[in-house]
Each structure stands twice: as C-alpha cells, then as structure tokens.
Amino acid sequence: MRRLALAAAIVGLGALTLVSVAQACSCAPPGPVESLRRSDAAIVGSLVKVVPRGRLQADYRYRIRRVYRGAKMIGRGDVISVRSSRRAAACGLPRRQERPVGLFLLAKDGHWTAGICSVIEPRRLSTAARHGYASSLPPAQSSCAS
C-alpha cells in the first residue's frame, strides 16, 4: 500500500513538473536579417511604464530612441504602446527599465505587438541595419495607432 501511495505521489509531481514546463516560454527567434524582414517596425526604446490590460495582457510603453524600420509610423521621441503578455512564462516583454532594448514589432488589430522572442540587443540591431539589411527591405506597409 505504501509503494502504491509513493508511486502515485511521484506520478503526480511529475505531472505538475510537465505542466509547469509546458507553460514556460521558449523560442528560437530567427536572426536579425529575417526578423527585420518579418517585422512591421524595428526600434530601440526605453520602457517607460507597463499598463495592465486584463489578467493576461499589458501595454508596455516605450519612448523611442531609434527607428530602424517603420519610420513613417514611428518617430524618435514618440511614446508607443506595445501589447504583450503580462507574464514572462507566456513570453511577455521584459519589465526592467534600466536600459534601452531593441524590438521587432508587428501590427495586429490596430496595436503594436511583441514578445520576448522579439527582443534584441540594440547593438545587434544597429549592426544589422548598418550592414544594409534594413535598407534592402521593402517598406513596411502596416499602420498602427500608438
């Protein structure tokens, strides 16, 4: 009887572990070139504020420092809202405000969207753009309210 109870406890703990792993965020983002091609905008910005939007989502407000793609829609100094998950386990954006981050943005349902897989070091984004990747891309066609 004890062995059966022990086996049931081990199976239960194993199931809980699998559930928590399944909920964790994981991604293998493409390189900067492909990310630029796929994005509607690519920016470097500083997080100003996180505004909750219900239980699952939040608007992350960024002050724009540099625009690498989407300059017709976003300008340096603008503050834009980027919709993302509230939780890191669901691939939400980082909440630290110490330093600027690079972001590849998509326009969806009138909002900018991104997740942790869309984050890049500003230096890497700058390097990709400097090597002509951004200039060889077709202009972004999406329009999005900030």
N, C-alpha and C. Protein backbone atom coordinates (compact mmCIF):
# COMPACT_ATOMS: atom_id res chain seq x y z
N MET A 1 0.82 -1.19 0.00
CA MET A 1 0.00 0.00 0.00
C MET A 1 0.87 1.26 0.00
N ARG A 2 1.96 1.23 0.77
CA ARG A 2 2.86 2.40 0.82
C ARG A 2 3.50 2.63 -0.55
N ARG A 3 3.89 1.54 -1.20
CA ARG A 3 4.51 1.67 -2.52
C ARG A 3 3.55 2.29 -3.52
N LEU A 4 2.30 1.90 -3.46
CA LEU A 4 1.30 2.45 -4.36
C LEU A 4 1.11 3.95 -4.10
N ALA A 5 1.06 4.35 -2.84
CA ALA A 5 0.92 5.76 -2.49
C ALA A 5 2.15 6.55 -2.93
N LEU A 6 3.33 5.98 -2.73
CA LEU A 6 4.56 6.64 -3.16
C LEU A 6 4.61 6.78 -4.68
N ALA A 7 4.21 5.73 -5.39
CA ALA A 7 4.18 5.79 -6.86
C ALA A 7 3.19 6.84 -7.33
N ALA A 8 2.04 6.93 -6.70
CA ALA A 8 1.03 7.94 -7.08
C ALA A 8 1.57 9.34 -6.83
N ALA A 9 2.27 9.53 -5.72
CA ALA A 9 2.84 10.84 -5.42
C ALA A 9 3.89 11.23 -6.45
N ILE A 10 4.73 10.29 -6.85
CA ILE A 10 5.77 10.58 -7.84
C ILE A 10 5.15 10.92 -9.18
N VAL A 11 4.14 10.17 -9.59
CA VAL A 11 3.45 10.45 -10.85
C VAL A 11 2.80 11.83 -10.80
N GLY A 12 2.18 12.15 -9.67
CA GLY A 12 1.54 13.47 -9.51
C GLY A 12 2.54 14.60 -9.61
N LEU A 13 3.68 14.47 -8.93
CA LEU A 13 4.71 15.50 -9.00
C LEU A 13 5.28 15.62 -10.42
N GLY A 14 5.44 14.48 -11.08
CA GLY A 14 5.92 14.50 -12.46
C GLY A 14 4.96 15.23 -13.37
N ALA A 15 3.67 15.02 -13.18
CA ALA A 15 2.66 15.70 -13.99
C ALA A 15 2.70 17.20 -13.75
N LEU A 16 2.86 17.62 -12.49
CA LEU A 16 2.95 19.05 -12.19
C LEU A 16 4.18 19.67 -12.84
N THR A 17 5.29 18.94 -12.83
CA THR A 17 6.51 19.44 -13.46
C THR A 17 6.30 19.62 -14.96
N LEU A 18 5.66 18.65 -15.61
CA LEU A 18 5.41 18.75 -17.05
C LEU A 18 4.50 19.92 -17.37
N VAL A 19 3.48 20.15 -16.52
CA VAL A 19 2.58 21.28 -16.75
C VAL A 19 3.34 22.59 -16.65
N SER A 20 4.21 22.74 -15.64
CA SER A 20 4.93 24.00 -15.48
C SER A 20 5.93 24.19 -16.63
N VAL A 21 6.55 23.11 -17.10
CA VAL A 21 7.47 23.23 -18.23
C VAL A 21 6.71 23.60 -19.49
N ALA A 22 5.53 23.01 -19.69
CA ALA A 22 4.73 23.28 -20.89
C ALA A 22 4.29 24.74 -20.93
N GLN A 23 4.13 25.38 -19.78
CA GLN A 23 3.69 26.76 -19.74
C GLN A 23 4.84 27.74 -19.89
N ALA A 24 6.06 27.28 -19.79
CA ALA A 24 7.22 28.17 -19.89
C ALA A 24 7.38 28.65 -21.33
N CYS A 25 7.88 29.85 -21.46
CA CYS A 25 8.12 30.43 -22.78
C CYS A 25 9.41 29.87 -23.36
N SER A 26 9.35 29.49 -24.60
CA SER A 26 10.58 29.12 -25.29
C SER A 26 10.44 29.55 -26.74
N CYS A 27 11.54 30.02 -27.28
CA CYS A 27 11.51 30.42 -28.68
C CYS A 27 12.92 30.33 -29.25
N ALA A 28 12.95 30.19 -30.53
CA ALA A 28 14.21 30.22 -31.26
C ALA A 28 14.03 31.26 -32.35
N PRO A 29 14.20 32.55 -31.99
CA PRO A 29 13.93 33.60 -32.98
C PRO A 29 14.89 33.50 -34.15
N PRO A 30 14.42 33.92 -35.32
CA PRO A 30 15.32 33.96 -36.47
C PRO A 30 16.39 35.02 -36.25
N GLY A 31 17.39 35.05 -37.09
CA GLY A 31 18.43 36.05 -36.97
C GLY A 31 17.91 37.45 -37.25
N PRO A 32 18.74 38.46 -37.01
CA PRO A 32 18.31 39.84 -37.21
C PRO A 32 17.81 40.15 -38.62
N VAL A 33 18.43 39.55 -39.64
CA VAL A 33 18.01 39.82 -41.02
C VAL A 33 16.58 39.36 -41.24
N GLU A 34 16.30 38.13 -40.87
CA GLU A 34 14.96 37.58 -41.06
C GLU A 34 13.95 38.30 -40.17
N SER A 35 14.34 38.64 -38.97
CA SER A 35 13.44 39.37 -38.07
C SER A 35 13.08 40.73 -38.64
N LEU A 36 14.05 41.42 -39.24
CA LEU A 36 13.76 42.70 -39.89
C LEU A 36 12.78 42.51 -41.04
N ARG A 37 12.97 41.48 -41.83
CA ARG A 37 12.08 41.21 -42.96
C ARG A 37 10.65 40.94 -42.50
N ARG A 38 10.52 40.23 -41.42
CA ARG A 38 9.20 39.84 -40.93
C ARG A 38 8.49 40.94 -40.15
N SER A 39 9.22 41.90 -39.65
CA SER A 39 8.63 42.91 -38.76
C SER A 39 7.97 44.03 -39.55
N ASP A 40 7.02 44.69 -38.89
CA ASP A 40 6.41 45.90 -39.44
C ASP A 40 7.19 47.12 -38.99
N ALA A 41 7.91 46.99 -37.89
CA ALA A 41 8.75 48.07 -37.37
C ALA A 41 9.88 47.44 -36.54
N ALA A 42 11.01 48.13 -36.49
CA ALA A 42 12.13 47.71 -35.65
C ALA A 42 12.67 48.96 -34.98
N ILE A 43 12.70 48.94 -33.65
CA ILE A 43 13.04 50.14 -32.89
C ILE A 43 13.98 49.81 -31.74
N VAL A 44 14.59 50.87 -31.22
CA VAL A 44 15.26 50.81 -29.92
C VAL A 44 14.50 51.79 -29.04
N GLY A 45 14.09 51.32 -27.88
CA GLY A 45 13.32 52.17 -27.00
C GLY A 45 13.60 51.87 -25.54
N SER A 46 13.18 52.80 -24.71
CA SER A 46 13.31 52.65 -23.26
C SER A 46 11.92 52.45 -22.66
N LEU A 47 11.77 51.43 -21.84
CA LEU A 47 10.49 51.17 -21.20
C LEU A 47 10.17 52.28 -20.23
N VAL A 48 8.98 52.84 -20.37
CA VAL A 48 8.54 53.94 -19.51
C VAL A 48 7.57 53.43 -18.45
N LYS A 49 6.66 52.54 -18.88
CA LYS A 49 5.59 52.12 -17.98
C LYS A 49 4.95 50.85 -18.53
N VAL A 50 4.41 50.03 -17.63
CA VAL A 50 3.64 48.86 -18.01
C VAL A 50 2.21 49.07 -17.50
N VAL A 51 1.24 49.01 -18.40
CA VAL A 51 -0.16 49.22 -18.05
C VAL A 51 -0.92 47.91 -18.24
N PRO A 52 -1.40 47.30 -17.15
CA PRO A 52 -2.15 46.04 -17.27
C PRO A 52 -3.41 46.22 -18.12
N ARG A 53 -3.71 45.21 -18.92
CA ARG A 53 -4.93 45.19 -19.74
C ARG A 53 -5.60 43.85 -19.50
N GLY A 54 -6.25 43.73 -18.37
CA GLY A 54 -6.87 42.46 -18.01
C GLY A 54 -5.86 41.55 -17.33
N ARG A 55 -6.26 40.29 -17.16
CA ARG A 55 -5.42 39.33 -16.45
C ARG A 55 -4.22 38.87 -17.25
N LEU A 56 -4.34 38.82 -18.57
CA LEU A 56 -3.31 38.17 -19.38
C LEU A 56 -2.41 39.11 -20.15
N GLN A 57 -2.87 40.31 -20.47
CA GLN A 57 -2.10 41.20 -21.32
C GLN A 57 -1.77 42.51 -20.64
N ALA A 58 -0.79 43.20 -21.22
CA ALA A 58 -0.41 44.53 -20.75
C ALA A 58 0.07 45.34 -21.94
N ASP A 59 0.01 46.65 -21.81
CA ASP A 59 0.62 47.55 -22.78
C ASP A 59 1.93 48.04 -22.18
N TYR A 60 3.01 47.78 -22.89
CA TYR A 60 4.33 48.22 -22.47
C TYR A 60 4.62 49.51 -23.24
N ARG A 61 4.81 50.59 -22.52
CA ARG A 61 5.02 51.89 -23.17
C ARG A 61 6.51 52.16 -23.28
N TYR A 62 6.94 52.43 -24.51
CA TYR A 62 8.35 52.68 -24.81
C TYR A 62 8.54 54.06 -25.40
N ARG A 63 9.57 54.76 -24.93
CA ARG A 63 9.99 56.01 -25.56
C ARG A 63 11.01 55.62 -26.62
N ILE A 64 10.76 56.04 -27.84
CA ILE A 64 11.58 55.65 -28.99
C ILE A 64 12.88 56.43 -29.00
N ARG A 65 13.99 55.70 -29.10
CA ARG A 65 15.31 56.31 -29.22
C ARG A 65 15.84 56.23 -30.64
N ARG A 66 15.46 55.15 -31.35
CA ARG A 66 15.96 54.96 -32.71
C ARG A 66 14.96 54.10 -33.48
N VAL A 67 14.74 54.42 -34.75
CA VAL A 67 13.84 53.65 -35.60
C VAL A 67 14.66 53.07 -36.75
N TYR A 68 14.61 51.75 -36.90
CA TYR A 68 15.32 51.08 -37.98
C TYR A 68 14.38 50.63 -39.09
N ARG A 69 13.13 50.48 -38.78
CA ARG A 69 12.11 50.09 -39.75
C ARG A 69 10.79 50.66 -39.26
N GLY A 70 10.00 51.21 -40.18
CA GLY A 70 8.71 51.77 -39.80
C GLY A 70 8.75 53.24 -39.46
N ALA A 71 9.74 53.96 -40.01
CA ALA A 71 9.92 55.38 -39.67
C ALA A 71 8.73 56.24 -40.10
N LYS A 72 7.93 55.77 -41.05
CA LYS A 72 6.74 56.55 -41.45
C LYS A 72 5.66 56.50 -40.38
N MET A 73 5.75 55.50 -39.49
CA MET A 73 4.72 55.32 -38.47
C MET A 73 5.18 55.71 -37.08
N ILE A 74 6.48 55.68 -36.86
CA ILE A 74 7.05 55.91 -35.53
C ILE A 74 8.21 56.89 -35.66
N GLY A 75 8.31 57.84 -34.74
CA GLY A 75 9.41 58.79 -34.77
C GLY A 75 10.20 58.80 -33.47
N ARG A 76 11.43 59.23 -33.58
CA ARG A 76 12.28 59.34 -32.40
C ARG A 76 11.62 60.27 -31.38
N GLY A 77 11.60 59.85 -30.13
CA GLY A 77 10.97 60.63 -29.07
C GLY A 77 9.52 60.28 -28.82
N ASP A 78 8.87 59.62 -29.77
CA ASP A 78 7.48 59.18 -29.56
C ASP A 78 7.42 58.18 -28.41
N VAL A 79 6.26 58.10 -27.79
CA VAL A 79 5.99 57.03 -26.83
C VAL A 79 4.92 56.16 -27.47
N ILE A 80 5.24 54.87 -27.63
CA ILE A 80 4.29 53.94 -28.24
C ILE A 80 3.92 52.86 -27.23
N SER A 81 2.75 52.26 -27.45
CA SER A 81 2.30 51.13 -26.64
C SER A 81 2.50 49.86 -27.43
N VAL A 82 3.07 48.87 -26.77
CA VAL A 82 3.29 47.57 -27.39
C VAL A 82 2.55 46.53 -26.56
N ARG A 83 1.59 45.85 -27.17
CA ARG A 83 0.79 44.85 -26.47
C ARG A 83 1.58 43.55 -26.36
N SER A 84 1.57 42.97 -25.17
CA SER A 84 2.26 41.71 -24.92
C SER A 84 1.62 41.02 -23.74
N SER A 85 2.07 39.84 -23.47
CA SER A 85 1.60 39.10 -22.29
C SER A 85 2.11 39.78 -21.03
N ARG A 86 1.39 39.63 -19.94
CA ARG A 86 1.82 40.19 -18.65
C ARG A 86 2.88 39.32 -17.99
N ARG A 87 2.94 38.05 -18.38
CA ARG A 87 3.80 37.10 -17.68
C ARG A 87 4.98 36.69 -18.54
N ALA A 88 6.14 36.58 -17.91
CA ALA A 88 7.35 36.13 -18.59
C ALA A 88 7.19 34.70 -19.07
N ALA A 89 6.48 33.86 -18.30
CA ALA A 89 6.29 32.47 -18.69
C ALA A 89 5.46 32.35 -19.97
N ALA A 90 4.71 33.39 -20.30
CA ALA A 90 3.91 33.40 -21.52
C ALA A 90 4.55 34.30 -22.58
N CYS A 91 5.86 34.46 -22.49
CA CYS A 91 6.66 35.22 -23.47
C CYS A 91 6.43 36.72 -23.43
N GLY A 92 6.01 37.25 -22.27
CA GLY A 92 5.83 38.68 -22.14
C GLY A 92 7.15 39.44 -22.25
N LEU A 93 7.07 40.71 -22.56
CA LEU A 93 8.26 41.56 -22.67
C LEU A 93 8.92 41.75 -21.31
N PRO A 94 10.22 42.02 -21.30
CA PRO A 94 10.89 42.28 -20.01
C PRO A 94 10.37 43.56 -19.38
N ARG A 95 10.35 43.60 -18.06
CA ARG A 95 9.83 44.75 -17.32
C ARG A 95 10.92 45.64 -16.76
N ARG A 96 12.16 45.33 -17.03
CA ARG A 96 13.23 46.17 -16.47
C ARG A 96 13.34 47.46 -17.28
N GLN A 97 13.64 48.53 -16.56
CA GLN A 97 13.66 49.85 -17.16
C GLN A 97 15.05 50.46 -17.18
N GLU A 98 16.08 49.69 -16.83
CA GLU A 98 17.41 50.27 -16.70
C GLU A 98 18.01 50.76 -18.02
N ARG A 99 17.81 49.97 -19.08
CA ARG A 99 18.47 50.34 -20.33
C ARG A 99 17.57 50.06 -21.52
N PRO A 100 17.89 50.71 -22.64
CA PRO A 100 17.08 50.52 -23.85
C PRO A 100 17.16 49.10 -24.39
N VAL A 101 16.11 48.71 -25.11
CA VAL A 101 16.06 47.41 -25.77
C VAL A 101 15.69 47.60 -27.23
N GLY A 102 16.14 46.69 -28.06
CA GLY A 102 15.71 46.64 -29.44
C GLY A 102 14.48 45.76 -29.53
N LEU A 103 13.53 46.12 -30.38
CA LEU A 103 12.30 45.35 -30.54
C LEU A 103 11.92 45.25 -32.01
N PHE A 104 11.52 44.07 -32.41
CA PHE A 104 10.88 43.87 -33.71
C PHE A 104 9.39 43.85 -33.43
N LEU A 105 8.64 44.75 -34.06
CA LEU A 105 7.21 44.90 -33.79
C LEU A 105 6.36 44.41 -34.96
N LEU A 106 5.20 43.90 -34.62
CA LEU A 106 4.19 43.55 -35.61
C LEU A 106 2.96 44.38 -35.34
N ALA A 107 2.26 44.76 -36.39
CA ALA A 107 1.00 45.47 -36.24
C ALA A 107 -0.12 44.44 -36.29
N LYS A 108 -0.96 44.43 -35.25
CA LYS A 108 -2.04 43.46 -35.18
C LYS A 108 -3.26 44.12 -34.56
N ASP A 109 -4.37 44.10 -35.28
CA ASP A 109 -5.63 44.65 -34.77
C ASP A 109 -5.48 46.08 -34.26
N GLY A 110 -4.70 46.90 -34.95
CA GLY A 110 -4.54 48.30 -34.57
C GLY A 110 -3.58 48.55 -33.43
N HIS A 111 -2.81 47.53 -33.04
CA HIS A 111 -1.85 47.67 -31.94
C HIS A 111 -0.50 47.15 -32.38
N TRP A 112 0.54 47.72 -31.80
CA TRP A 112 1.86 47.11 -31.94
C TRP A 112 1.90 45.92 -31.00
N THR A 113 2.48 44.82 -31.45
CA THR A 113 2.63 43.64 -30.60
C THR A 113 4.06 43.14 -30.65
N ALA A 114 4.47 42.50 -29.56
CA ALA A 114 5.80 41.89 -29.47
C ALA A 114 5.82 40.97 -28.27
N GLY A 115 6.84 40.18 -28.19
CA GLY A 115 7.06 39.29 -27.06
C GLY A 115 8.55 39.16 -26.83
N ILE A 116 8.92 38.35 -25.88
CA ILE A 116 10.33 38.20 -25.53
C ILE A 116 11.15 37.74 -26.74
N CYS A 117 10.54 36.98 -27.64
CA CYS A 117 11.26 36.50 -28.82
C CYS A 117 11.52 37.62 -29.82
N SER A 118 10.93 38.79 -29.60
CA SER A 118 11.10 39.94 -30.47
C SER A 118 12.16 40.91 -29.96
N VAL A 119 12.77 40.59 -28.83
CA VAL A 119 13.75 41.48 -28.20
C VAL A 119 15.14 41.18 -28.75
N ILE A 120 15.90 42.25 -29.01
CA ILE A 120 17.28 42.12 -29.49
C ILE A 120 18.11 43.20 -28.81
N GLU A 121 19.37 42.93 -28.62
CA GLU A 121 20.26 43.96 -28.08
C GLU A 121 20.36 45.10 -29.09
N PRO A 122 20.28 46.35 -28.63
CA PRO A 122 20.35 47.47 -29.55
C PRO A 122 21.58 47.44 -30.46
N ARG A 123 22.69 47.01 -29.92
CA ARG A 123 23.93 46.95 -30.72
C ARG A 123 23.80 45.97 -31.89
N ARG A 124 23.15 44.82 -31.66
CA ARG A 124 22.96 43.83 -32.73
C ARG A 124 22.01 44.36 -33.80
N LEU A 125 20.97 45.08 -33.38
CA LEU A 125 20.03 45.67 -34.33
C LEU A 125 20.72 46.73 -35.17
N SER A 126 21.53 47.55 -34.52
CA SER A 126 22.29 48.59 -35.22
C SER A 126 23.26 47.98 -36.23
N THR A 127 23.93 46.93 -35.82
CA THR A 127 24.89 46.26 -36.72
C THR A 127 24.19 45.71 -37.95
N ALA A 128 23.05 45.06 -37.74
CA ALA A 128 22.30 44.51 -38.87
C ALA A 128 21.86 45.62 -39.82
N ALA A 129 21.37 46.71 -39.27
CA ALA A 129 20.92 47.82 -40.11
C ALA A 129 22.09 48.48 -40.83
N ARG A 130 23.22 48.61 -40.14
CA ARG A 130 24.40 49.25 -40.72
C ARG A 130 24.94 48.45 -41.91
N HIS A 131 24.77 47.17 -41.86
CA HIS A 131 25.25 46.33 -42.96
C HIS A 131 24.27 46.30 -44.13
N GLY A 132 23.26 47.15 -44.08
CA GLY A 132 22.37 47.30 -45.22
C GLY A 132 21.16 46.41 -45.23
N TYR A 133 20.97 45.63 -44.17
CA TYR A 133 19.83 44.73 -44.17
C TYR A 133 18.51 45.50 -44.16
N ALA A 134 18.42 46.52 -43.36
CA ALA A 134 17.17 47.26 -43.27
C ALA A 134 16.89 48.02 -44.55
N SER A 135 17.91 48.56 -45.19
CA SER A 135 17.70 49.35 -46.40
C SER A 135 17.31 48.49 -47.58
N SER A 136 17.64 47.19 -47.56
CA SER A 136 17.28 46.33 -48.67
C SER A 136 15.88 45.73 -48.53
N LEU A 137 15.20 46.05 -47.46
CA LEU A 137 13.87 45.51 -47.22
C LEU A 137 12.82 46.39 -47.89
N PRO A 138 11.71 45.79 -48.29
CA PRO A 138 10.61 46.62 -48.78
C PRO A 138 10.07 47.46 -47.64
N PRO A 139 9.51 48.64 -47.93
CA PRO A 139 8.98 49.47 -46.85
C PRO A 139 7.85 48.78 -46.12
N ALA A 140 7.79 49.00 -44.84
CA ALA A 140 6.70 48.43 -44.04
C ALA A 140 5.39 49.05 -44.48
N GLN A 141 4.36 48.23 -44.62
CA GLN A 141 3.09 48.70 -45.12
C GLN A 141 2.02 48.86 -44.04
N SER A 142 2.25 48.29 -42.88
CA SER A 142 1.25 48.31 -41.82
C SER A 142 1.08 49.69 -41.24
N SER A 143 -0.10 49.95 -40.75
CA SER A 143 -0.32 51.17 -40.00
C SER A 143 -0.84 50.77 -38.64
N CYS A 144 -0.40 51.50 -37.65
CA CYS A 144 -0.76 51.11 -36.28
C CYS A 144 -0.86 52.35 -35.42
N ALA A 145 -1.90 52.41 -34.62
CA ALA A 145 -2.06 53.53 -33.70
C ALA A 145 -1.14 53.31 -32.51
N SER A 146 -0.48 54.35 -32.09
CA SER A 146 0.42 54.23 -30.93
C SER A 146 -0.33 54.31 -29.64
